[in-house]
Amino acid sequence: MTDLTDAIPLTPAVFHILLALAKREQHGYEIMKEVRRDSGDRIRMGNGTLYGSIKRMLADGLIEDAGERPEGGDERRKYYRITSRGQAALTTEIRRYVATVEAIRNRDLMPSASTPAGAWA
């Protein structure tokens, strides 16, 4: 497996971009919309964050230019896809998140919708 010590943990922006690309190739605006959907509209990624992250992710081999446009894709846009290294990083990060949620549940700290922020402070 590819050494991911330099990639893990992922920043929130990188995590959400990889999550958006996990199932299909997308262009930047689609990625931004998917991040908003995935986060329940809590994360709004601006152009600077998105394209700065994409530039670093390309350099790190987490994503790549998809080359040919998908069926019905807009020829004016650049499409990206996740690489095997990116998929490995995403899987590793998801496992880390799952372990964190398990620890929260084991300590009986899982907040409900009515739990006020800072309830354990």
PDB file of N, CA and C in Angstrom:
ATOM      1  N   MET A   1       0.838  -1.181   0.000  1.00  0.00           N
ATOM      2  CA  MET A   1       0.000   0.000   0.000  1.00  0.00           C
ATOM      3  C   MET A   1       0.885   1.248   0.000  1.00  0.00           C
ATOM      4  N   THR A   2       0.365   2.291  -0.595  1.00  0.00           N
ATOM      5  CA  THR A   2       1.070   3.558  -0.666  1.00  0.00           C
ATOM      6  C   THR A   2       1.201   4.165   0.725  1.00  0.00           C
ATOM      7  N   ASP A   3       2.391   4.671   1.052  1.00  0.00           N
ATOM      8  CA  ASP A   3       2.619   5.304   2.348  1.00  0.00           C
ATOM      9  C   ASP A   3       1.781   6.577   2.422  1.00  0.00           C
ATOM     10  N   LEU A   4       0.931   6.644   3.439  1.00  0.00           N
ATOM     11  CA  LEU A   4       0.037   7.792   3.579  1.00  0.00           C
ATOM     12  C   LEU A   4       0.380   8.667   4.772  1.00  0.00           C
ATOM     13  N   THR A   5       1.541   8.434   5.386  1.00  0.00           N
ATOM     14  CA  THR A   5       1.880   9.178   6.597  1.00  0.00           C
ATOM     15  C   THR A   5       1.903  10.684   6.363  1.00  0.00           C
ATOM     16  N   ASP A   6       2.204  11.107   5.137  1.00  0.00           N
ATOM     17  CA  ASP A   6       2.227  12.541   4.847  1.00  0.00           C
ATOM     18  C   ASP A   6       0.841  13.089   4.525  1.00  0.00           C
ATOM     19  N   ALA A   7      -0.157  12.214   4.337  1.00  0.00           N
ATOM     20  CA  ALA A   7      -1.496  12.662   3.955  1.00  0.00           C
ATOM     21  C   ALA A   7      -2.499  12.611   5.106  1.00  0.00           C
ATOM     22  N   ILE A   8      -2.251  11.795   6.110  1.00  0.00           N
ATOM     23  CA  ILE A   8      -3.201  11.575   7.198  1.00  0.00           C
ATOM     24  C   ILE A   8      -2.733  12.326   8.441  1.00  0.00           C
ATOM     25  N   PRO A   9      -3.588  12.988   9.190  1.00  0.00           N
ATOM     26  CA  PRO A   9      -5.015  13.137   8.929  1.00  0.00           C
ATOM     27  C   PRO A   9      -5.268  14.141   7.809  1.00  0.00           C
ATOM     28  N   LEU A  10      -6.395  13.976   7.147  1.00  0.00           N
ATOM     29  CA  LEU A  10      -6.781  14.871   6.067  1.00  0.00           C
ATOM     30  C   LEU A  10      -7.374  16.147   6.649  1.00  0.00           C
ATOM     31  N   THR A  11      -7.165  17.253   5.962  1.00  0.00           N
ATOM     32  CA  THR A  11      -7.860  18.479   6.359  1.00  0.00           C
ATOM     33  C   THR A  11      -9.341  18.299   6.026  1.00  0.00           C
ATOM     34  N   PRO A  12     -10.223  19.047   6.684  1.00  0.00           N
ATOM     35  CA  PRO A  12     -11.645  18.929   6.343  1.00  0.00           C
ATOM     36  C   PRO A  12     -11.922  19.174   4.859  1.00  0.00           C
ATOM     37  N   ALA A  13     -11.261  20.143   4.252  1.00  0.00           N
ATOM     38  CA  ALA A  13     -11.484  20.425   2.828  1.00  0.00           C
ATOM     39  C   ALA A  13     -11.083  19.234   1.971  1.00  0.00           C
ATOM     40  N   VAL A  14      -9.916  18.667   2.223  1.00  0.00           N
ATOM     41  CA  VAL A  14      -9.446  17.521   1.441  1.00  0.00           C
ATOM     42  C   VAL A  14     -10.368  16.323   1.650  1.00  0.00           C
ATOM     43  N   PHE A  15     -10.774  16.072   2.893  1.00  0.00           N
ATOM     44  CA  PHE A  15     -11.688  14.973   3.179  1.00  0.00           C
ATOM     45  C   PHE A  15     -12.969  15.109   2.358  1.00  0.00           C
ATOM     46  N   HIS A  16     -13.575  16.295   2.376  1.00  0.00           N
ATOM     47  CA  HIS A  16     -14.841  16.493   1.672  1.00  0.00           C
ATOM     48  C   HIS A  16     -14.686  16.436   0.154  1.00  0.00           C
ATOM     49  N   ILE A  17     -13.564  16.889  -0.363  1.00  0.00           N
ATOM     50  CA  ILE A  17     -13.333  16.781  -1.810  1.00  0.00           C
ATOM     51  C   ILE A  17     -13.193  15.320  -2.202  1.00  0.00           C
ATOM     52  N   LEU A  18     -12.419  14.546  -1.433  1.00  0.00           N
ATOM     53  CA  LEU A  18     -12.275  13.116  -1.737  1.00  0.00           C
ATOM     54  C   LEU A  18     -13.619  12.405  -1.624  1.00  0.00           C
ATOM     55  N   LEU A  19     -14.394  12.750  -0.612  1.00  0.00           N
ATOM     56  CA  LEU A  19     -15.716  12.157  -0.437  1.00  0.00           C
ATOM     57  C   LEU A  19     -16.601  12.448  -1.652  1.00  0.00           C
ATOM     58  N   ALA A  20     -16.529  13.676  -2.143  1.00  0.00           N
ATOM     59  CA  ALA A  20     -17.318  14.063  -3.319  1.00  0.00           C
ATOM     60  C   ALA A  20     -16.895  13.296  -4.566  1.00  0.00           C
ATOM     61  N   LEU A  21     -15.601  12.980  -4.663  1.00  0.00           N
ATOM     62  CA  LEU A  21     -15.082  12.291  -5.855  1.00  0.00           C
ATOM     63  C   LEU A  21     -15.074  10.770  -5.716  1.00  0.00           C
ATOM     64  N   ALA A  22     -15.496  10.251  -4.575  1.00  0.00           N
ATOM     65  CA  ALA A  22     -15.386   8.810  -4.308  1.00  0.00           C
ATOM     66  C   ALA A  22     -16.166   7.956  -5.296  1.00  0.00           C
ATOM     67  N   LYS A  23     -17.266   8.446  -5.820  1.00  0.00           N
ATOM     68  CA  LYS A  23     -18.107   7.630  -6.699  1.00  0.00           C
ATOM     69  C   LYS A  23     -18.075   8.032  -8.167  1.00  0.00           C
ATOM     70  N   ARG A  24     -17.659   9.279  -8.448  1.00  0.00           N
ATOM     71  CA  ARG A  24     -17.650   9.701  -9.856  1.00  0.00           C
ATOM     72  C   ARG A  24     -16.765  10.923 -10.076  1.00  0.00           C
ATOM     73  N   GLU A  25     -16.375  11.104 -11.311  1.00  0.00           N
ATOM     74  CA  GLU A  25     -15.594  12.270 -11.707  1.00  0.00           C
ATOM     75  C   GLU A  25     -16.495  13.501 -11.649  1.00  0.00           C
ATOM     76  N   GLN A  26     -15.893  14.625 -11.238  1.00  0.00           N
ATOM     77  CA  GLN A  26     -16.666  15.862 -11.151  1.00  0.00           C
ATOM     78  C   GLN A  26     -15.773  17.055 -11.450  1.00  0.00           C
ATOM     79  N   HIS A  27     -16.404  18.165 -11.834  1.00  0.00           N
ATOM     80  CA  HIS A  27     -15.662  19.413 -11.985  1.00  0.00           C
ATOM     81  C   HIS A  27     -15.837  20.231 -10.709  1.00  0.00           C
ATOM     82  N   GLY A  28     -15.087  21.303 -10.580  1.00  0.00           N
ATOM     83  CA  GLY A  28     -15.024  22.079  -9.354  1.00  0.00           C
ATOM     84  C   GLY A  28     -16.366  22.532  -8.813  1.00  0.00           C
ATOM     85  N   TYR A  29     -17.224  23.085  -9.665  1.00  0.00           N
ATOM     86  CA  TYR A  29     -18.512  23.572  -9.178  1.00  0.00           C
ATOM     87  C   TYR A  29     -19.366  22.423  -8.656  1.00  0.00           C
ATOM     88  N   GLU A  30     -19.328  21.282  -9.316  1.00  0.00           N
ATOM     89  CA  GLU A  30     -20.065  20.104  -8.827  1.00  0.00           C
ATOM     90  C   GLU A  30     -19.539  19.667  -7.458  1.00  0.00           C
ATOM     91  N   ILE A  31     -18.216  19.701  -7.303  1.00  0.00           N
ATOM     92  CA  ILE A  31     -17.611  19.327  -6.023  1.00  0.00           C
ATOM     93  C   ILE A  31     -18.124  20.257  -4.922  1.00  0.00           C
ATOM     94  N   MET A  32     -18.132  21.563  -5.177  1.00  0.00           N
ATOM     95  CA  MET A  32     -18.615  22.530  -4.182  1.00  0.00           C
ATOM     96  C   MET A  32     -20.068  22.244  -3.805  1.00  0.00           C
ATOM     97  N   LYS A  33     -20.914  21.951  -4.792  1.00  0.00           N
ATOM     98  CA  LYS A  33     -22.318  21.653  -4.513  1.00  0.00           C
ATOM     99  C   LYS A  33     -22.458  20.362  -3.717  1.00  0.00           C
ATOM    100  N   GLU A  34     -21.667  19.348  -4.043  1.00  0.00           N
ATOM    101  CA  GLU A  34     -21.736  18.075  -3.328  1.00  0.00           C
ATOM    102  C   GLU A  34     -21.275  18.227  -1.880  1.00  0.00           C
ATOM    103  N   VAL A  35     -20.243  19.031  -1.649  1.00  0.00           N
ATOM    104  CA  VAL A  35     -19.781  19.280  -0.279  1.00  0.00           C
ATOM    105  C   VAL A  35     -20.902  19.939   0.535  1.00  0.00           C
ATOM    106  N   ARG A  36     -21.594  20.880  -0.055  1.00  0.00           N
ATOM    107  CA  ARG A  36     -22.718  21.528   0.634  1.00  0.00           C
ATOM    108  C   ARG A  36     -23.818  20.526   0.954  1.00  0.00           C
ATOM    109  N   ARG A  37     -24.143  19.662  -0.019  1.00  0.00           N
ATOM    110  CA  ARG A  37     -25.166  18.629   0.199  1.00  0.00           C
ATOM    111  C   ARG A  37     -24.735  17.658   1.289  1.00  0.00           C
ATOM    112  N   ASP A  38     -23.492  17.143   1.168  1.00  0.00           N
ATOM    113  CA  ASP A  38     -22.984  16.159   2.137  1.00  0.00           C
ATOM    114  C   ASP A  38     -22.973  16.711   3.558  1.00  0.00           C
ATOM    115  N   SER A  39     -22.740  18.001   3.692  1.00  0.00           N
ATOM    116  CA  SER A  39     -22.615  18.610   5.024  1.00  0.00           C
ATOM    117  C   SER A  39     -23.934  19.205   5.520  1.00  0.00           C
ATOM    118  N   GLY A  40     -25.005  18.962   4.802  1.00  0.00           N
ATOM    119  CA  GLY A  40     -26.275  19.557   5.210  1.00  0.00           C
ATOM    120  C   GLY A  40     -26.227  21.069   5.155  1.00  0.00           C
ATOM    121  N   ASP A  41     -25.473  21.601   4.208  1.00  0.00           N
ATOM    122  CA  ASP A  41     -25.312  23.043   3.985  1.00  0.00           C
ATOM    123  C   ASP A  41     -24.517  23.739   5.100  1.00  0.00           C
ATOM    124  N   ARG A  42     -23.783  22.961   5.914  1.00  0.00           N
ATOM    125  CA  ARG A  42     -22.974  23.551   6.984  1.00  0.00           C
ATOM    126  C   ARG A  42     -21.583  23.953   6.486  1.00  0.00           C
ATOM    127  N   ILE A  43     -21.118  23.342   5.399  1.00  0.00           N
ATOM    128  CA  ILE A  43     -19.804  23.681   4.845  1.00  0.00           C
ATOM    129  C   ILE A  43     -20.016  24.277   3.461  1.00  0.00           C
ATOM    130  N   ARG A  44     -19.536  25.486   3.307  1.00  0.00           N
ATOM    131  CA  ARG A  44     -19.596  26.175   2.013  1.00  0.00           C
ATOM    132  C   ARG A  44     -18.169  26.478   1.597  1.00  0.00           C
ATOM    133  N   MET A  45     -17.694  25.714   0.655  1.00  0.00           N
ATOM    134  CA  MET A  45     -16.308  25.821   0.211  1.00  0.00           C
ATOM    135  C   MET A  45     -16.210  26.881  -0.883  1.00  0.00           C
ATOM    136  N   GLY A  46     -15.384  27.871  -0.654  1.00  0.00           N
ATOM    137  CA  GLY A  46     -15.182  28.905  -1.658  1.00  0.00           C
ATOM    138  C   GLY A  46     -14.181  28.473  -2.722  1.00  0.00           C
ATOM    139  N   ASN A  47     -14.084  29.262  -3.772  1.00  0.00           N
ATOM    140  CA  ASN A  47     -13.170  28.950  -4.879  1.00  0.00           C
ATOM    141  C   ASN A  47     -11.726  28.832  -4.427  1.00  0.00           C
ATOM    142  N   GLY A  48     -11.284  29.743  -3.562  1.00  0.00           N
ATOM    143  CA  GLY A  48      -9.896  29.723  -3.115  1.00  0.00           C
ATOM    144  C   GLY A  48      -9.562  28.451  -2.364  1.00  0.00           C
ATOM    145  N   THR A  49     -10.437  28.047  -1.447  1.00  0.00           N
ATOM    146  CA  THR A  49     -10.224  26.812  -0.688  1.00  0.00           C
ATOM    147  C   THR A  49     -10.267  25.611  -1.609  1.00  0.00           C
ATOM    148  N   LEU A  50     -11.276  25.560  -2.466  1.00  0.00           N
ATOM    149  CA  LEU A  50     -11.431  24.419  -3.367  1.00  0.00           C
ATOM    150  C   LEU A  50     -10.227  24.269  -4.284  1.00  0.00           C
ATOM    151  N   TYR A  51      -9.894  25.308  -5.030  1.00  0.00           N
ATOM    152  CA  TYR A  51      -8.835  25.167  -6.023  1.00  0.00           C
ATOM    153  C   TYR A  51      -7.439  25.124  -5.412  1.00  0.00           C
ATOM    154  N   GLY A  52      -7.254  25.745  -4.250  1.00  0.00           N
ATOM    155  CA  GLY A  52      -5.989  25.589  -3.525  1.00  0.00           C
ATOM    156  C   GLY A  52      -5.810  24.147  -3.066  1.00  0.00           C
ATOM    157  N   SER A  53      -6.895  23.562  -2.549  1.00  0.00           N
ATOM    158  CA  SER A  53      -6.853  22.165  -2.112  1.00  0.00           C
ATOM    159  C   SER A  53      -6.640  21.237  -3.300  1.00  0.00           C
ATOM    160  N   ILE A  54      -7.342  21.487  -4.386  1.00  0.00           N
ATOM    161  CA  ILE A  54      -7.192  20.651  -5.581  1.00  0.00           C
ATOM    162  C   ILE A  54      -5.750  20.679  -6.078  1.00  0.00           C
ATOM    163  N   LYS A  55      -5.145  21.855  -6.086  1.00  0.00           N
ATOM    164  CA  LYS A  55      -3.754  21.969  -6.546  1.00  0.00           C
ATOM    165  C   LYS A  55      -2.828  21.100  -5.694  1.00  0.00           C
ATOM    166  N   ARG A  56      -2.987  21.165  -4.359  1.00  0.00           N
ATOM    167  CA  ARG A  56      -2.160  20.342  -3.467  1.00  0.00           C
ATOM    168  C   ARG A  56      -2.475  18.855  -3.622  1.00  0.00           C
ATOM    169  N   MET A  57      -3.748  18.535  -3.794  1.00  0.00           N
ATOM    170  CA  MET A  57      -4.152  17.130  -3.932  1.00  0.00           C
ATOM    171  C   MET A  57      -3.614  16.518  -5.228  1.00  0.00           C
ATOM    172  N   LEU A  58      -3.570  17.309  -6.293  1.00  0.00           N
ATOM    173  CA  LEU A  58      -2.967  16.844  -7.548  1.00  0.00           C
ATOM    174  C   LEU A  58      -1.483  16.560  -7.328  1.00  0.00           C
ATOM    175  N   ALA A  59      -0.793  17.489  -6.661  1.00  0.00           N
ATOM    176  CA  ALA A  59       0.642  17.328  -6.394  1.00  0.00           C
ATOM    177  C   ALA A  59       0.912  16.128  -5.491  1.00  0.00           C
ATOM    178  N   ASP A  60      -0.012  15.845  -4.552  1.00  0.00           N
ATOM    179  CA  ASP A  60       0.153  14.727  -3.623  1.00  0.00           C
ATOM    180  C   ASP A  60      -0.329  13.391  -4.186  1.00  0.00           C
ATOM    181  N   GLY A  61      -0.892  13.427  -5.396  1.00  0.00           N
ATOM    182  CA  GLY A  61      -1.357  12.192  -6.019  1.00  0.00           C
ATOM    183  C   GLY A  61      -2.648  11.642  -5.443  1.00  0.00           C
ATOM    184  N   LEU A  62      -3.434  12.488  -4.771  1.00  0.00           N
ATOM    185  CA  LEU A  62      -4.711  12.039  -4.210  1.00  0.00           C
ATOM    186  C   LEU A  62      -5.826  12.067  -5.249  1.00  0.00           C
ATOM    187  N   ILE A  63      -5.712  12.990  -6.199  1.00  0.00           N
ATOM    188  CA  ILE A  63      -6.657  13.092  -7.307  1.00  0.00           C
ATOM    189  C   ILE A  63      -5.863  13.318  -8.581  1.00  0.00           C
ATOM    190  N   GLU A  64      -6.554  13.199  -9.715  1.00  0.00           N
ATOM    191  CA  GLU A  64      -5.915  13.462 -11.004  1.00  0.00           C
ATOM    192  C   GLU A  64      -6.929  14.074 -11.953  1.00  0.00           C
ATOM    193  N   ASP A  65      -6.411  14.709 -12.983  1.00  0.00           N
ATOM    194  CA  ASP A  65      -7.256  15.227 -14.049  1.00  0.00           C
ATOM    195  C   ASP A  65      -7.884  14.021 -14.723  1.00  0.00           C
ATOM    196  N   ALA A  66      -9.195  14.062 -14.904  1.00  0.00           N
ATOM    197  CA  ALA A  66      -9.902  12.912 -15.485  1.00  0.00           C
ATOM    198  C   ALA A  66      -9.665  12.780 -16.981  1.00  0.00           C
ATOM    199  N   GLY A  67      -9.088  13.792 -17.614  1.00  0.00           N
ATOM    200  CA  GLY A  67      -8.831  13.700 -19.052  1.00  0.00           C
ATOM    201  C   GLY A  67     -10.118  13.842 -19.831  1.00  0.00           C
ATOM    202  N   GLU A  68     -10.590  12.751 -20.400  1.00  0.00           N
ATOM    203  CA  GLU A  68     -11.833  12.790 -21.176  1.00  0.00           C
ATOM    204  C   GLU A  68     -13.008  13.142 -20.278  1.00  0.00           C
ATOM    205  N   ARG A  69     -13.947  13.871 -20.862  1.00  0.00           N
ATOM    206  CA  ARG A  69     -15.129  14.277 -20.116  1.00  0.00           C
ATOM    207  C   ARG A  69     -16.120  13.123 -20.033  1.00  0.00           C
ATOM    208  N   PRO A  70     -16.806  12.995 -18.879  1.00  0.00           N
ATOM    209  CA  PRO A  70     -17.818  11.951 -18.766  1.00  0.00           C
ATOM    210  C   PRO A  70     -18.965  12.203 -19.742  1.00  0.00           C
ATOM    211  N   GLU A  71     -19.749  11.190 -20.011  1.00  0.00           N
ATOM    212  CA  GLU A  71     -20.906  11.305 -20.898  1.00  0.00           C
ATOM    213  C   GLU A  71     -21.744  12.506 -20.485  1.00  0.00           C
ATOM    214  N   GLY A  72     -21.967  13.417 -21.416  1.00  0.00           N
ATOM    215  CA  GLY A  72     -22.773  14.602 -21.137  1.00  0.00           C
ATOM    216  C   GLY A  72     -22.025  15.677 -20.366  1.00  0.00           C
ATOM    217  N   GLY A  73     -20.720  15.496 -20.143  1.00  0.00           N
ATOM    218  CA  GLY A  73     -19.936  16.465 -19.379  1.00  0.00           C
ATOM    219  C   GLY A  73     -19.703  17.744 -20.155  1.00  0.00           C
ATOM    220  N   ASP A  74     -19.535  18.812 -19.452  1.00  0.00           N
ATOM    221  CA  ASP A  74     -19.290  20.129 -20.023  1.00  0.00           C
ATOM    222  C   ASP A  74     -17.837  20.197 -20.494  1.00  0.00           C
ATOM    223  N   GLU A  75     -17.635  20.393 -21.785  1.00  0.00           N
ATOM    224  CA  GLU A  75     -16.288  20.418 -22.375  1.00  0.00           C
ATOM    225  C   GLU A  75     -15.444  21.579 -21.873  1.00  0.00           C
ATOM    226  N   ARG A  76     -16.072  22.625 -21.354  1.00  0.00           N
ATOM    227  CA  ARG A  76     -15.331  23.801 -20.887  1.00  0.00           C
ATOM    228  C   ARG A  76     -14.743  23.604 -19.503  1.00  0.00           C
ATOM    229  N   ARG A  77     -15.171  22.586 -18.793  1.00  0.00           N
ATOM    230  CA  ARG A  77     -14.756  22.398 -17.409  1.00  0.00           C
ATOM    231  C   ARG A  77     -13.701  21.300 -17.297  1.00  0.00           C
ATOM    232  N   LYS A  78     -12.877  21.423 -16.266  1.00  0.00           N
ATOM    233  CA  LYS A  78     -11.866  20.419 -15.978  1.00  0.00           C
ATOM    234  C   LYS A  78     -12.440  19.456 -14.945  1.00  0.00           C
ATOM    235  N   TYR A  79     -12.400  18.177 -15.254  1.00  0.00           N
ATOM    236  CA  TYR A  79     -12.947  17.153 -14.360  1.00  0.00           C
ATOM    237  C   TYR A  79     -11.813  16.458 -13.612  1.00  0.00           C
ATOM    238  N   TYR A  80     -12.114  16.057 -12.384  1.00  0.00           N
ATOM    239  CA  TYR A  80     -11.142  15.395 -11.521  1.00  0.00           C
ATOM    240  C   TYR A  80     -11.685  14.044 -11.085  1.00  0.00           C
ATOM    241  N   ARG A  81     -10.764  13.144 -10.774  1.00  0.00           N
ATOM    242  CA  ARG A  81     -11.153  11.844 -10.219  1.00  0.00           C
ATOM    243  C   ARG A  81     -10.184  11.467  -9.114  1.00  0.00           C
ATOM    244  N   ILE A  82     -10.664  10.638  -8.202  1.00  0.00           N
ATOM    245  CA  ILE A  82      -9.862  10.166  -7.100  1.00  0.00           C
ATOM    246  C   ILE A  82      -8.896   9.096  -7.614  1.00  0.00           C
ATOM    247  N   THR A  83      -7.694   9.066  -7.077  1.00  0.00           N
ATOM    248  CA  THR A  83      -6.705   8.043  -7.442  1.00  0.00           C
ATOM    249  C   THR A  83      -6.757   6.919  -6.403  1.00  0.00           C
ATOM    250  N   SER A  84      -6.019   5.857  -6.644  1.00  0.00           N
ATOM    251  CA  SER A  84      -5.973   4.770  -5.653  1.00  0.00           C
ATOM    252  C   SER A  84      -5.360   5.282  -4.347  1.00  0.00           C
ATOM    253  N   ARG A  85      -4.379   6.174  -4.435  1.00  0.00           N
ATOM    254  CA  ARG A  85      -3.799   6.775  -3.224  1.00  0.00           C
ATOM    255  C   ARG A  85      -4.846   7.612  -2.493  1.00  0.00           C
ATOM    256  N   GLY A  86      -5.640   8.367  -3.236  1.00  0.00           N
ATOM    257  CA  GLY A  86      -6.708   9.162  -2.646  1.00  0.00           C
ATOM    258  C   GLY A  86      -7.768   8.283  -2.000  1.00  0.00           C
ATOM    259  N   GLN A  87      -8.109   7.180  -2.652  1.00  0.00           N
ATOM    260  CA  GLN A  87      -9.097   6.251  -2.091  1.00  0.00           C
ATOM    261  C   GLN A  87      -8.566   5.627  -0.799  1.00  0.00           C
ATOM    262  N   ALA A  88      -7.290   5.282  -0.788  1.00  0.00           N
ATOM    263  CA  ALA A  88      -6.680   4.716   0.424  1.00  0.00           C
ATOM    264  C   ALA A  88      -6.683   5.741   1.555  1.00  0.00           C
ATOM    265  N   ALA A  89      -6.379   6.991   1.235  1.00  0.00           N
ATOM    266  CA  ALA A  89      -6.386   8.048   2.259  1.00  0.00           C
ATOM    267  C   ALA A  89      -7.792   8.271   2.790  1.00  0.00           C
ATOM    268  N   LEU A  90      -8.785   8.287   1.896  1.00  0.00           N
ATOM    269  CA  LEU A  90     -10.168   8.476   2.316  1.00  0.00           C
ATOM    270  C   LEU A  90     -10.630   7.316   3.199  1.00  0.00           C
ATOM    271  N   THR A  91     -10.320   6.100   2.809  1.00  0.00           N
ATOM    272  CA  THR A  91     -10.699   4.926   3.598  1.00  0.00           C
ATOM    273  C   THR A  91     -10.046   4.966   4.980  1.00  0.00           C
ATOM    274  N   THR A  92      -8.767   5.310   5.031  1.00  0.00           N
ATOM    275  CA  THR A  92      -8.056   5.411   6.305  1.00  0.00           C
ATOM    276  C   THR A  92      -8.695   6.467   7.194  1.00  0.00           C
ATOM    277  N   GLU A  93      -9.044   7.604   6.615  1.00  0.00           N
ATOM    278  CA  GLU A  93      -9.660   8.688   7.387  1.00  0.00           C
ATOM    279  C   GLU A  93     -11.056   8.302   7.863  1.00  0.00           C
ATOM    280  N   ILE A  94     -11.841   7.642   7.020  1.00  0.00           N
ATOM    281  CA  ILE A  94     -13.178   7.188   7.427  1.00  0.00           C
ATOM    282  C   ILE A  94     -13.057   6.216   8.595  1.00  0.00           C
ATOM    283  N   ARG A  95     -12.101   5.303   8.538  1.00  0.00           N
ATOM    284  CA  ARG A  95     -11.897   4.367   9.654  1.00  0.00           C
ATOM    285  C   ARG A  95     -11.535   5.117  10.934  1.00  0.00           C
ATOM    286  N   ARG A  96     -10.743   6.160  10.803  1.00  0.00           N
ATOM    287  CA  ARG A  96     -10.364   6.968  11.958  1.00  0.00           C
ATOM    288  C   ARG A  96     -11.597   7.660  12.541  1.00  0.00           C
ATOM    289  N   TYR A  97     -12.464   8.191  11.678  1.00  0.00           N
ATOM    290  CA  TYR A  97     -13.694   8.834  12.136  1.00  0.00           C
ATOM    291  C   TYR A  97     -14.612   7.824  12.832  1.00  0.00           C
ATOM    292  N   VAL A  98     -14.752   6.633  12.250  1.00  0.00           N
ATOM    293  CA  VAL A  98     -15.599   5.593  12.845  1.00  0.00           C
ATOM    294  C   VAL A  98     -15.083   5.222  14.236  1.00  0.00           C
ATOM    295  N   ALA A  99     -13.774   5.066  14.382  1.00  0.00           N
ATOM    296  CA  ALA A  99     -13.190   4.747  15.693  1.00  0.00           C
ATOM    297  C   ALA A  99     -13.460   5.871  16.690  1.00  0.00           C
ATOM    298  N   THR A 100     -13.423   7.111  16.226  1.00  0.00           N
ATOM    299  CA  THR A 100     -13.706   8.251  17.099  1.00  0.00           C
ATOM    300  C   THR A 100     -15.164   8.230  17.554  1.00  0.00           C
ATOM    301  N   VAL A 101     -16.074   7.965  16.634  1.00  0.00           N
ATOM    302  CA  VAL A 101     -17.496   7.887  16.992  1.00  0.00           C
ATOM    303  C   VAL A 101     -17.733   6.746  17.976  1.00  0.00           C
ATOM    304  N   GLU A 102     -17.070   5.614  17.779  1.00  0.00           N
ATOM    305  CA  GLU A 102     -17.197   4.495  18.718  1.00  0.00           C
ATOM    306  C   GLU A 102     -16.715   4.889  20.114  1.00  0.00           C
ATOM    307  N   ALA A 103     -15.616   5.624  20.191  1.00  0.00           N
ATOM    308  CA  ALA A 103     -15.115   6.084  21.491  1.00  0.00           C
ATOM    309  C   ALA A 103     -16.104   7.039  22.144  1.00  0.00           C
ATOM    310  N   ILE A 104     -16.720   7.897  21.374  1.00  0.00           N
ATOM    311  CA  ILE A 104     -17.720   8.839  21.893  1.00  0.00           C
ATOM    312  C   ILE A 104     -18.926   8.063  22.430  1.00  0.00           C
ATOM    313  N   ARG A 105     -19.382   7.072  21.685  1.00  0.00           N
ATOM    314  CA  ARG A 105     -20.508   6.249  22.139  1.00  0.00           C
ATOM    315  C   ARG A 105     -20.142   5.470  23.404  1.00  0.00           C
ATOM    316  N   ASN A 106     -18.941   4.903  23.442  1.00  0.00           N
ATOM    317  CA  ASN A 106     -18.512   4.128  24.612  1.00  0.00           C
ATOM    318  C   ASN A 106     -18.469   4.982  25.871  1.00  0.00           C
ATOM    319  N   ARG A 107     -18.224   6.243  25.734  1.00  0.00           N
ATOM    320  CA  ARG A 107     -18.184   7.161  26.883  1.00  0.00           C
ATOM    321  C   ARG A 107     -19.548   7.803  27.136  1.00  0.00           C
ATOM    322  N   ASP A 108     -20.543   7.372  26.363  1.00  0.00           N
ATOM    323  CA  ASP A 108     -21.907   7.894  26.489  1.00  0.00           C
ATOM    324  C   ASP A 108     -21.928   9.414  26.334  1.00  0.00           C
ATOM    325  N   LEU A 109     -21.204   9.891  25.338  1.00  0.00           N
ATOM    326  CA  LEU A 109     -21.126  11.329  25.067  1.00  0.00           C
ATOM    327  C   LEU A 109     -21.776  11.731  23.739  1.00  0.00           C
ATOM    328  N   MET A 110     -22.479  10.793  23.090  1.00  0.00           N
ATOM    329  CA  MET A 110     -23.092  11.113  21.806  1.00  0.00           C
ATOM    330  C   MET A 110     -24.199  12.133  22.034  1.00  0.00           C
ATOM    331  N   PRO A 111     -24.043  13.334  21.487  1.00  0.00           N
ATOM    332  CA  PRO A 111     -25.066  14.363  21.707  1.00  0.00           C
ATOM    333  C   PRO A 111     -26.345  14.054  20.931  1.00  0.00           C
ATOM    334  N   SER A 112     -27.449  14.441  21.489  1.00  0.00           N
ATOM    335  CA  SER A 112     -28.720  14.353  20.776  1.00  0.00           C
ATOM    336  C   SER A 112     -28.960  15.693  20.094  1.00  0.00           C
ATOM    337  N   ALA A 113     -30.013  15.763  19.324  1.00  0.00           N
ATOM    338  CA  ALA A 113     -30.329  17.021  18.635  1.00  0.00           C
ATOM    339  C   ALA A 113     -30.598  18.139  19.632  1.00  0.00           C
ATOM    340  N   SER A 114     -31.028  17.782  20.837  1.00  0.00           N
ATOM    341  CA  SER A 114     -31.365  18.811  21.827  1.00  0.00           C
ATOM    342  C   SER A 114     -30.215  19.132  22.787  1.00  0.00           C
ATOM    343  N   THR A 115     -29.067  18.439  22.659  1.00  0.00           N
ATOM    344  CA  THR A 115     -27.934  18.716  23.532  1.00  0.00           C
ATOM    345  C   THR A 115     -27.338  20.069  23.179  1.00  0.00           C
ATOM    346  N   PRO A 116     -27.282  20.992  24.160  1.00  0.00           N
ATOM    347  CA  PRO A 116     -26.724  22.312  23.840  1.00  0.00           C
ATOM    348  C   PRO A 116     -25.203  22.232  23.606  1.00  0.00           C
ATOM    349  N   ALA A 117     -24.705  23.114  22.774  1.00  0.00           N
ATOM    350  CA  ALA A 117     -23.261  23.186  22.534  1.00  0.00           C
ATOM    351  C   ALA A 117     -22.572  23.501  23.845  1.00  0.00           C
ATOM    352  N   GLY A 118     -21.449  22.864  24.091  1.00  0.00           N
ATOM    353  CA  GLY A 118     -20.678  23.104  25.305  1.00  0.00           C
ATOM    354  C   GLY A 118     -21.254  22.440  26.543  1.00  0.00           C
ATOM    355  N   ALA A 119     -22.139  21.440  26.350  1.00  0.00           N
ATOM    356  CA  ALA A 119     -22.806  20.804  27.481  1.00  0.00           C
ATOM    357  C   ALA A 119     -21.810  20.115  28.419  1.00  0.00           C
ATOM    358  N   TRP A 120     -20.663  19.690  27.940  1.00  0.00           N
ATOM    359  CA  TRP A 120     -19.693  18.964  28.762  1.00  0.00           C
ATOM    360  C   TRP A 120     -18.530  19.835  29.215  1.00  0.00           C
ATOM    361  N   ALA A 121     -18.604  21.104  28.895  1.00  0.00           N
ATOM    362  CA  ALA A 121     -17.485  22.005  29.231  1.00  0.00           C
ATOM    363  C   ALA A 121     -17.422  22.280  30.711  1.00  0.00           C
TER     364      ALA A 121
END
